[in-house]
Amino acid sequence: MRVSMIVNGEEVTGEIEGRLLLIHFLRDHLGLTGTHWGCDTSNCGTCVVWLDGEPVKSCTVLAAMAGGHEVRTVEDLEQDGRLDPVQQGFMECHGLQCGFCTPGMMMTARALLDRNPDPSEGEIREAISGQICRCTGYATIVRSVRWAASKEASS
């Protein structure tokens, strides 16, 4: 079947099997490997992308279901050579170690800050509660998101 969607602001079309997951369409058909593929059961959250502006776990969305919709991946956070404050925050506050969960965490954090520019630690922890990080213990991730919120507030 043929599917078309907007990915990171550009229209893309591809021939796919009806059962192809969005994560595999992004990675294998479009070469957008920033989105990581983890558990295939929606438990880990490494595969979070935005579908029409809402964070979704792309391992639970068929590519065909995304047809006609807008998808945004971690590759789209950086704009015009400038890192998003969330990306900067993860660098400044060591919000990553192995980096496997990082793209999904960043997409979730960006969505949170777009809705709530000054989230509390509890709100950040709730927002990322659908994602698993096996390295950091979450403290540095929370600090990274707070850093980004502070950076955005000061600019």
N, C-alpha and C. Protein backbone atom coordinates (compact mmCIF):
# COMPACT_ATOMS: atom_id res chain seq x y z
N MET A 1 0.84 -1.18 0.00
CA MET A 1 0.00 0.00 0.00
C MET A 1 0.88 1.24 0.00
N ARG A 2 0.33 2.31 -0.48
CA ARG A 2 1.05 3.59 -0.57
C ARG A 2 0.62 4.47 0.60
N VAL A 3 1.60 5.09 1.24
CA VAL A 3 1.31 5.98 2.36
C VAL A 3 2.05 7.30 2.15
N SER A 4 1.37 8.39 2.49
CA SER A 4 1.98 9.72 2.43
C SER A 4 1.72 10.43 3.75
N MET A 5 2.71 11.17 4.20
CA MET A 5 2.58 11.94 5.43
C MET A 5 3.61 13.06 5.39
N ILE A 6 3.47 13.99 6.31
CA ILE A 6 4.46 15.05 6.47
C ILE A 6 5.39 14.62 7.60
N VAL A 7 6.68 14.52 7.32
CA VAL A 7 7.67 14.15 8.33
C VAL A 7 8.68 15.28 8.43
N ASN A 8 8.76 15.86 9.60
CA ASN A 8 9.68 16.98 9.85
C ASN A 8 9.52 18.08 8.82
N GLY A 9 8.26 18.36 8.48
CA GLY A 9 7.95 19.46 7.58
C GLY A 9 8.00 19.14 6.10
N GLU A 10 8.34 17.92 5.74
CA GLU A 10 8.42 17.56 4.32
C GLU A 10 7.48 16.41 4.02
N GLU A 11 6.81 16.48 2.88
CA GLU A 11 5.92 15.40 2.49
C GLU A 11 6.75 14.21 2.01
N VAL A 12 6.41 13.04 2.53
CA VAL A 12 7.07 11.80 2.12
C VAL A 12 6.01 10.79 1.71
N THR A 13 6.36 9.96 0.76
CA THR A 13 5.47 8.91 0.29
C THR A 13 6.28 7.64 0.15
N GLY A 14 5.65 6.52 0.48
CA GLY A 14 6.35 5.26 0.35
C GLY A 14 5.39 4.11 0.16
N GLU A 15 5.91 3.05 -0.42
CA GLU A 15 5.17 1.79 -0.55
C GLU A 15 5.49 0.95 0.68
N ILE A 16 4.46 0.52 1.38
CA ILE A 16 4.66 -0.21 2.61
C ILE A 16 3.72 -1.40 2.70
N GLU A 17 4.05 -2.31 3.59
CA GLU A 17 3.11 -3.36 3.97
C GLU A 17 2.16 -2.75 4.99
N GLY A 18 0.92 -3.19 4.99
CA GLY A 18 -0.07 -2.63 5.89
C GLY A 18 0.26 -2.79 7.36
N ARG A 19 1.09 -3.76 7.69
CA ARG A 19 1.42 -4.02 9.10
C ARG A 19 2.72 -3.34 9.55
N LEU A 20 3.34 -2.53 8.70
CA LEU A 20 4.59 -1.86 9.04
C LEU A 20 4.35 -0.82 10.14
N LEU A 21 5.17 -0.88 11.16
CA LEU A 21 5.07 0.09 12.24
C LEU A 21 5.72 1.41 11.84
N LEU A 22 5.22 2.49 12.41
CA LEU A 22 5.76 3.82 12.11
C LEU A 22 7.25 3.89 12.42
N ILE A 23 7.70 3.30 13.52
CA ILE A 23 9.12 3.31 13.86
C ILE A 23 9.97 2.74 12.73
N HIS A 24 9.51 1.66 12.12
CA HIS A 24 10.27 1.04 11.03
C HIS A 24 10.19 1.86 9.75
N PHE A 25 9.07 2.50 9.51
CA PHE A 25 8.96 3.39 8.34
C PHE A 25 9.97 4.53 8.48
N LEU A 26 10.02 5.13 9.65
CA LEU A 26 10.94 6.24 9.88
C LEU A 26 12.39 5.81 9.75
N ARG A 27 12.74 4.73 10.40
CA ARG A 27 14.14 4.28 10.41
C ARG A 27 14.57 3.62 9.10
N ASP A 28 13.77 2.66 8.64
CA ASP A 28 14.20 1.82 7.52
C ASP A 28 13.87 2.40 6.15
N HIS A 29 12.76 3.10 6.04
CA HIS A 29 12.36 3.66 4.75
C HIS A 29 12.88 5.09 4.56
N LEU A 30 12.91 5.87 5.65
CA LEU A 30 13.31 7.27 5.53
C LEU A 30 14.72 7.54 6.04
N GLY A 31 15.33 6.57 6.71
CA GLY A 31 16.69 6.75 7.21
C GLY A 31 16.79 7.67 8.42
N LEU A 32 15.68 7.92 9.10
CA LEU A 32 15.68 8.77 10.28
C LEU A 32 15.93 7.91 11.51
N THR A 33 17.20 7.64 11.76
CA THR A 33 17.58 6.69 12.81
C THR A 33 17.74 7.34 14.18
N GLY A 34 17.44 8.63 14.29
CA GLY A 34 17.49 9.27 15.60
C GLY A 34 16.45 8.70 16.55
N THR A 35 15.31 8.31 16.01
CA THR A 35 14.29 7.66 16.82
C THR A 35 14.73 6.22 17.05
N HIS A 36 14.83 5.85 18.31
CA HIS A 36 15.34 4.51 18.63
C HIS A 36 14.21 3.50 18.77
N TRP A 37 14.53 2.27 18.47
CA TRP A 37 13.60 1.15 18.55
C TRP A 37 14.04 0.29 19.71
N GLY A 38 13.16 0.19 20.70
CA GLY A 38 13.53 -0.53 21.91
C GLY A 38 12.76 -1.82 22.09
N CYS A 39 11.60 -1.74 22.70
CA CYS A 39 10.92 -2.94 23.19
C CYS A 39 9.84 -3.49 22.27
N ASP A 40 9.31 -2.67 21.37
CA ASP A 40 8.21 -3.09 20.49
C ASP A 40 6.91 -3.37 21.24
N THR A 41 6.83 -2.98 22.50
CA THR A 41 5.62 -3.23 23.29
C THR A 41 5.11 -1.97 23.98
N SER A 42 5.65 -0.84 23.69
CA SER A 42 5.32 0.48 24.25
C SER A 42 5.71 0.64 25.71
N ASN A 43 6.58 -0.20 26.21
CA ASN A 43 7.00 -0.09 27.61
C ASN A 43 8.15 0.88 27.83
N CYS A 44 9.08 0.97 26.88
CA CYS A 44 10.31 1.71 27.17
C CYS A 44 10.27 3.18 26.74
N GLY A 45 9.52 3.53 25.72
CA GLY A 45 9.39 4.92 25.31
C GLY A 45 10.54 5.48 24.50
N THR A 46 11.50 4.65 24.10
CA THR A 46 12.62 5.18 23.31
C THR A 46 12.18 5.66 21.94
N CYS A 47 11.02 5.20 21.49
CA CYS A 47 10.56 5.47 20.12
C CYS A 47 9.59 6.65 20.02
N VAL A 48 9.52 7.50 21.04
CA VAL A 48 8.55 8.59 21.02
C VAL A 48 8.84 9.57 19.89
N VAL A 49 7.80 9.85 19.12
CA VAL A 49 7.78 10.90 18.10
C VAL A 49 6.49 11.68 18.32
N TRP A 50 6.30 12.73 17.57
CA TRP A 50 5.03 13.47 17.64
C TRP A 50 4.18 13.09 16.45
N LEU A 51 2.93 12.85 16.69
CA LEU A 51 1.94 12.63 15.64
C LEU A 51 0.90 13.73 15.81
N ASP A 52 0.86 14.62 14.83
CA ASP A 52 -0.02 15.80 14.90
C ASP A 52 0.18 16.57 16.21
N GLY A 53 1.44 16.71 16.60
CA GLY A 53 1.78 17.52 17.76
C GLY A 53 1.69 16.83 19.11
N GLU A 54 1.31 15.57 19.13
CA GLU A 54 1.19 14.83 20.38
C GLU A 54 2.23 13.71 20.45
N PRO A 55 2.92 13.56 21.57
CA PRO A 55 3.88 12.46 21.69
C PRO A 55 3.17 11.11 21.62
N VAL A 56 3.71 10.22 20.79
CA VAL A 56 3.20 8.85 20.68
C VAL A 56 4.40 7.90 20.63
N LYS A 57 4.15 6.69 21.04
CA LYS A 57 5.18 5.66 20.92
C LYS A 57 5.03 5.03 19.54
N SER A 58 6.00 5.28 18.69
CA SER A 58 5.90 4.89 17.28
C SER A 58 5.97 3.39 17.06
N CYS A 59 6.25 2.62 18.11
CA CYS A 59 6.22 1.16 17.97
C CYS A 59 4.80 0.62 18.11
N THR A 60 3.85 1.50 18.42
CA THR A 60 2.45 1.07 18.55
C THR A 60 1.55 1.71 17.52
N VAL A 61 2.14 2.43 16.57
CA VAL A 61 1.38 3.11 15.52
C VAL A 61 1.76 2.49 14.18
N LEU A 62 0.78 2.05 13.45
CA LEU A 62 1.07 1.57 12.10
C LEU A 62 1.41 2.76 11.21
N ALA A 63 2.35 2.57 10.31
CA ALA A 63 2.69 3.65 9.38
C ALA A 63 1.46 4.08 8.59
N ALA A 64 0.62 3.13 8.24
CA ALA A 64 -0.60 3.46 7.49
C ALA A 64 -1.52 4.38 8.29
N MET A 65 -1.52 4.24 9.61
CA MET A 65 -2.35 5.09 10.46
C MET A 65 -1.82 6.52 10.48
N ALA A 66 -0.54 6.69 10.21
CA ALA A 66 0.06 8.03 10.19
C ALA A 66 -0.14 8.71 8.85
N GLY A 67 -0.63 7.97 7.87
CA GLY A 67 -0.89 8.54 6.55
C GLY A 67 -1.80 9.75 6.65
N GLY A 68 -1.40 10.84 5.98
CA GLY A 68 -2.19 12.06 6.00
C GLY A 68 -1.97 12.92 7.23
N HIS A 69 -1.07 12.49 8.10
CA HIS A 69 -0.82 13.22 9.34
C HIS A 69 0.60 13.80 9.33
N GLU A 70 0.89 14.56 10.37
CA GLU A 70 2.21 15.17 10.51
C GLU A 70 2.99 14.45 11.61
N VAL A 71 4.22 14.06 11.28
CA VAL A 71 5.10 13.36 12.21
C VAL A 71 6.33 14.24 12.42
N ARG A 72 6.74 14.35 13.67
CA ARG A 72 7.97 15.08 13.98
C ARG A 72 8.88 14.17 14.78
N THR A 73 10.14 14.10 14.37
CA THR A 73 11.12 13.24 15.04
C THR A 73 12.20 14.10 15.70
N VAL A 74 13.05 13.46 16.45
CA VAL A 74 14.12 14.15 17.16
C VAL A 74 15.04 14.91 16.20
N GLU A 75 15.16 14.44 14.97
CA GLU A 75 16.00 15.14 14.00
C GLU A 75 15.51 16.56 13.74
N ASP A 76 14.24 16.83 14.02
CA ASP A 76 13.66 18.13 13.74
C ASP A 76 13.78 19.11 14.91
N LEU A 77 14.34 18.67 16.05
CA LEU A 77 14.48 19.60 17.17
C LEU A 77 15.48 20.71 16.84
N GLU A 78 16.61 20.33 16.28
CA GLU A 78 17.62 21.32 15.88
C GLU A 78 17.08 22.09 14.69
N GLN A 79 17.13 23.41 14.77
CA GLN A 79 16.63 24.25 13.69
C GLN A 79 17.70 25.25 13.26
N ASP A 80 17.96 25.31 11.98
CA ASP A 80 18.91 26.27 11.42
C ASP A 80 20.27 26.22 12.12
N GLY A 81 20.73 25.00 12.43
CA GLY A 81 22.03 24.84 13.05
C GLY A 81 22.07 25.14 14.54
N ARG A 82 20.91 25.42 15.14
CA ARG A 82 20.85 25.73 16.57
C ARG A 82 20.12 24.61 17.30
N LEU A 83 20.75 24.13 18.35
CA LEU A 83 20.12 23.09 19.15
C LEU A 83 18.91 23.65 19.87
N ASP A 84 17.91 22.83 20.03
CA ASP A 84 16.76 23.17 20.85
C ASP A 84 17.26 23.28 22.30
N PRO A 85 16.66 24.14 23.12
CA PRO A 85 17.06 24.22 24.52
C PRO A 85 17.00 22.87 25.24
N VAL A 86 16.10 22.01 24.85
CA VAL A 86 16.04 20.68 25.47
C VAL A 86 17.32 19.91 25.15
N GLN A 87 17.76 19.97 23.90
CA GLN A 87 19.00 19.30 23.53
C GLN A 87 20.18 19.90 24.29
N GLN A 88 20.21 21.23 24.38
CA GLN A 88 21.27 21.90 25.13
C GLN A 88 21.26 21.48 26.59
N GLY A 89 20.06 21.42 27.15
CA GLY A 89 19.93 21.04 28.56
C GLY A 89 20.47 19.64 28.83
N PHE A 90 20.20 18.72 27.91
CA PHE A 90 20.71 17.36 28.09
C PHE A 90 22.24 17.35 28.04
N MET A 91 22.82 18.24 27.24
CA MET A 91 24.28 18.34 27.20
C MET A 91 24.82 19.00 28.46
N GLU A 92 24.23 20.13 28.83
CA GLU A 92 24.72 20.91 29.97
C GLU A 92 24.61 20.16 31.29
N CYS A 93 23.52 19.41 31.46
CA CYS A 93 23.24 18.77 32.75
C CYS A 93 23.44 17.27 32.74
N HIS A 94 24.09 16.77 31.70
CA HIS A 94 24.41 15.34 31.60
C HIS A 94 23.16 14.46 31.71
N GLY A 95 22.14 14.85 30.93
CA GLY A 95 20.87 14.12 30.95
C GLY A 95 20.91 12.81 30.21
N LEU A 96 22.07 12.43 29.74
CA LEU A 96 22.17 11.15 29.06
C LEU A 96 23.45 10.46 29.49
N GLN A 97 23.41 9.17 29.40
CA GLN A 97 24.63 8.39 29.60
C GLN A 97 24.84 7.54 28.36
N CYS A 98 24.08 6.47 28.22
CA CYS A 98 24.25 5.65 27.02
C CYS A 98 23.57 6.30 25.82
N GLY A 99 22.57 7.14 26.05
CA GLY A 99 21.90 7.86 24.98
C GLY A 99 20.75 7.13 24.33
N PHE A 100 20.48 5.91 24.73
CA PHE A 100 19.45 5.14 24.04
C PHE A 100 18.05 5.72 24.24
N CYS A 101 17.72 6.13 25.45
CA CYS A 101 16.39 6.68 25.72
C CYS A 101 16.29 8.15 25.35
N THR A 102 17.41 8.80 25.10
CA THR A 102 17.48 10.25 24.97
C THR A 102 16.55 10.84 23.91
N PRO A 103 16.48 10.31 22.69
CA PRO A 103 15.58 10.93 21.71
C PRO A 103 14.12 10.96 22.17
N GLY A 104 13.65 9.87 22.72
CA GLY A 104 12.28 9.83 23.22
C GLY A 104 12.07 10.77 24.39
N MET A 105 13.06 10.82 25.28
CA MET A 105 12.98 11.74 26.42
C MET A 105 12.94 13.19 25.94
N MET A 106 13.76 13.51 24.96
CA MET A 106 13.79 14.88 24.44
C MET A 106 12.46 15.26 23.78
N MET A 107 11.89 14.36 23.02
CA MET A 107 10.61 14.66 22.37
C MET A 107 9.50 14.85 23.40
N THR A 108 9.53 14.04 24.44
CA THR A 108 8.54 14.17 25.51
C THR A 108 8.76 15.47 26.27
N ALA A 109 10.02 15.80 26.56
CA ALA A 109 10.33 17.03 27.27
C ALA A 109 9.93 18.26 26.47
N ARG A 110 10.19 18.24 25.16
CA ARG A 110 9.82 19.38 24.32
C ARG A 110 8.30 19.58 24.33
N ALA A 111 7.56 18.48 24.25
CA ALA A 111 6.10 18.57 24.29
C ALA A 111 5.63 19.14 25.63
N LEU A 112 6.26 18.70 26.71
CA LEU A 112 5.91 19.22 28.03
C LEU A 112 6.15 20.72 28.11
N LEU A 113 7.33 21.16 27.69
CA LEU A 113 7.66 22.59 27.78
C LEU A 113 6.80 23.43 26.85
N ASP A 114 6.35 22.86 25.76
CA ASP A 114 5.43 23.61 24.88
C ASP A 114 4.08 23.83 25.55
N ARG A 115 3.66 22.88 26.39
CA ARG A 115 2.39 22.99 27.11
C ARG A 115 2.54 23.74 28.43
N ASN A 116 3.68 23.55 29.08
CA ASN A 116 3.92 24.09 30.41
C ASN A 116 5.35 24.60 30.47
N PRO A 117 5.58 25.88 30.25
CA PRO A 117 6.95 26.39 30.17
C PRO A 117 7.73 26.38 31.49
N ASP A 118 7.05 26.13 32.61
CA ASP A 118 7.75 26.11 33.89
C ASP A 118 7.26 24.93 34.74
N PRO A 119 7.55 23.71 34.29
CA PRO A 119 7.05 22.55 35.05
C PRO A 119 7.85 22.31 36.32
N SER A 120 7.15 21.80 37.32
CA SER A 120 7.81 21.40 38.56
C SER A 120 8.54 20.08 38.33
N GLU A 121 9.37 19.71 39.28
CA GLU A 121 10.06 18.42 39.19
C GLU A 121 9.03 17.29 39.08
N GLY A 122 7.98 17.37 39.86
CA GLY A 122 6.94 16.34 39.81
C GLY A 122 6.26 16.25 38.46
N GLU A 123 6.01 17.40 37.85
CA GLU A 123 5.38 17.42 36.52
C GLU A 123 6.30 16.84 35.47
N ILE A 124 7.58 17.12 35.60
CA ILE A 124 8.55 16.54 34.65
C ILE A 124 8.59 15.03 34.83
N ARG A 125 8.67 14.59 36.06
CA ARG A 125 8.72 13.14 36.32
C ARG A 125 7.45 12.45 35.82
N GLU A 126 6.31 13.10 35.97
CA GLU A 126 5.07 12.51 35.46
C GLU A 126 5.09 12.44 33.93
N ALA A 127 5.58 13.50 33.29
CA ALA A 127 5.62 13.54 31.82
C ALA A 127 6.50 12.42 31.26
N ILE A 128 7.62 12.13 31.91
CA ILE A 128 8.54 11.12 31.40
C ILE A 128 8.28 9.74 32.00
N SER A 129 7.21 9.60 32.76
CA SER A 129 6.95 8.33 33.45
C SER A 129 6.69 7.16 32.51
N GLY A 130 6.37 7.43 31.27
CA GLY A 130 6.15 6.36 30.31
C GLY A 130 7.41 5.92 29.60
N GLN A 131 8.55 6.38 30.10
CA GLN A 131 9.82 6.05 29.47
C GLN A 131 10.80 5.49 30.49
N ILE A 132 11.63 4.61 30.02
CA ILE A 132 12.59 3.95 30.90
C ILE A 132 14.00 4.40 30.54
N CYS A 133 14.72 4.82 31.56
CA CYS A 133 16.16 5.07 31.43
C CYS A 133 16.85 4.11 32.39
N ARG A 134 17.72 3.32 31.87
CA ARG A 134 18.40 2.34 32.71
C ARG A 134 19.74 2.86 33.24
N CYS A 135 20.10 4.09 32.91
CA CYS A 135 21.41 4.59 33.29
C CYS A 135 21.40 5.70 34.33
N THR A 136 20.53 6.69 34.18
CA THR A 136 20.71 7.94 34.92
C THR A 136 20.00 8.03 36.25
N GLY A 137 18.98 7.24 36.47
CA GLY A 137 18.20 7.43 37.68
C GLY A 137 17.28 8.63 37.58
N TYR A 138 17.19 9.25 36.44
CA TYR A 138 16.25 10.32 36.11
C TYR A 138 16.61 11.69 36.67
N ALA A 139 17.42 11.78 37.70
CA ALA A 139 17.73 13.08 38.30
C ALA A 139 18.35 14.03 37.28
N THR A 140 19.29 13.55 36.49
CA THR A 140 19.94 14.43 35.51
C THR A 140 19.00 14.76 34.35
N ILE A 141 18.07 13.88 34.06
CA ILE A 141 17.08 14.18 33.02
C ILE A 141 16.17 15.29 33.50
N VAL A 142 15.72 15.20 34.73
CA VAL A 142 14.86 16.25 35.31
C VAL A 142 15.62 17.57 35.33
N ARG A 143 16.88 17.55 35.76
CA ARG A 143 17.69 18.79 35.76
C ARG A 143 17.84 19.35 34.35
N SER A 144 17.98 18.48 33.36
CA SER A 144 18.13 18.92 31.98
C SER A 144 16.88 19.64 31.49
N VAL A 145 15.73 19.12 31.83
CA VAL A 145 14.46 19.75 31.42
C VAL A 145 14.28 21.07 32.16
N ARG A 146 14.62 21.11 33.44
CA ARG A 146 14.54 22.37 34.19
C ARG A 146 15.49 23.40 33.59
N TRP A 147 16.69 22.96 33.17
CA TRP A 147 17.66 23.87 32.54
C TRP A 147 17.04 24.47 31.28
N ALA A 148 16.42 23.62 30.46
CA ALA A 148 15.80 24.08 29.22
C ALA A 148 14.68 25.07 29.51
N ALA A 149 13.87 24.78 30.51
CA ALA A 149 12.78 25.69 30.89
C ALA A 149 13.34 27.05 31.31
N SER A 150 14.39 27.02 32.10
CA SER A 150 15.01 28.26 32.57
C SER A 150 15.63 29.04 31.41
N LYS A 151 16.28 28.34 30.52
CA LYS A 151 16.90 28.97 29.34
C LYS A 151 15.84 29.65 28.48
N GLU A 152 14.73 28.96 28.26
CA GLU A 152 13.65 29.54 27.44
C GLU A 152 13.02 30.74 28.14
N ALA A 153 12.88 30.66 29.45
CA ALA A 153 12.28 31.77 30.21
C ALA A 153 13.15 33.02 30.15
N SER A 154 14.47 32.82 30.08
CA SER A 154 15.37 33.98 30.07
C SER A 154 15.60 34.56 28.68
N SER A 155 15.10 33.87 27.64
CA SER A 155 15.30 34.43 26.29
C SER A 155 14.07 35.03 25.71
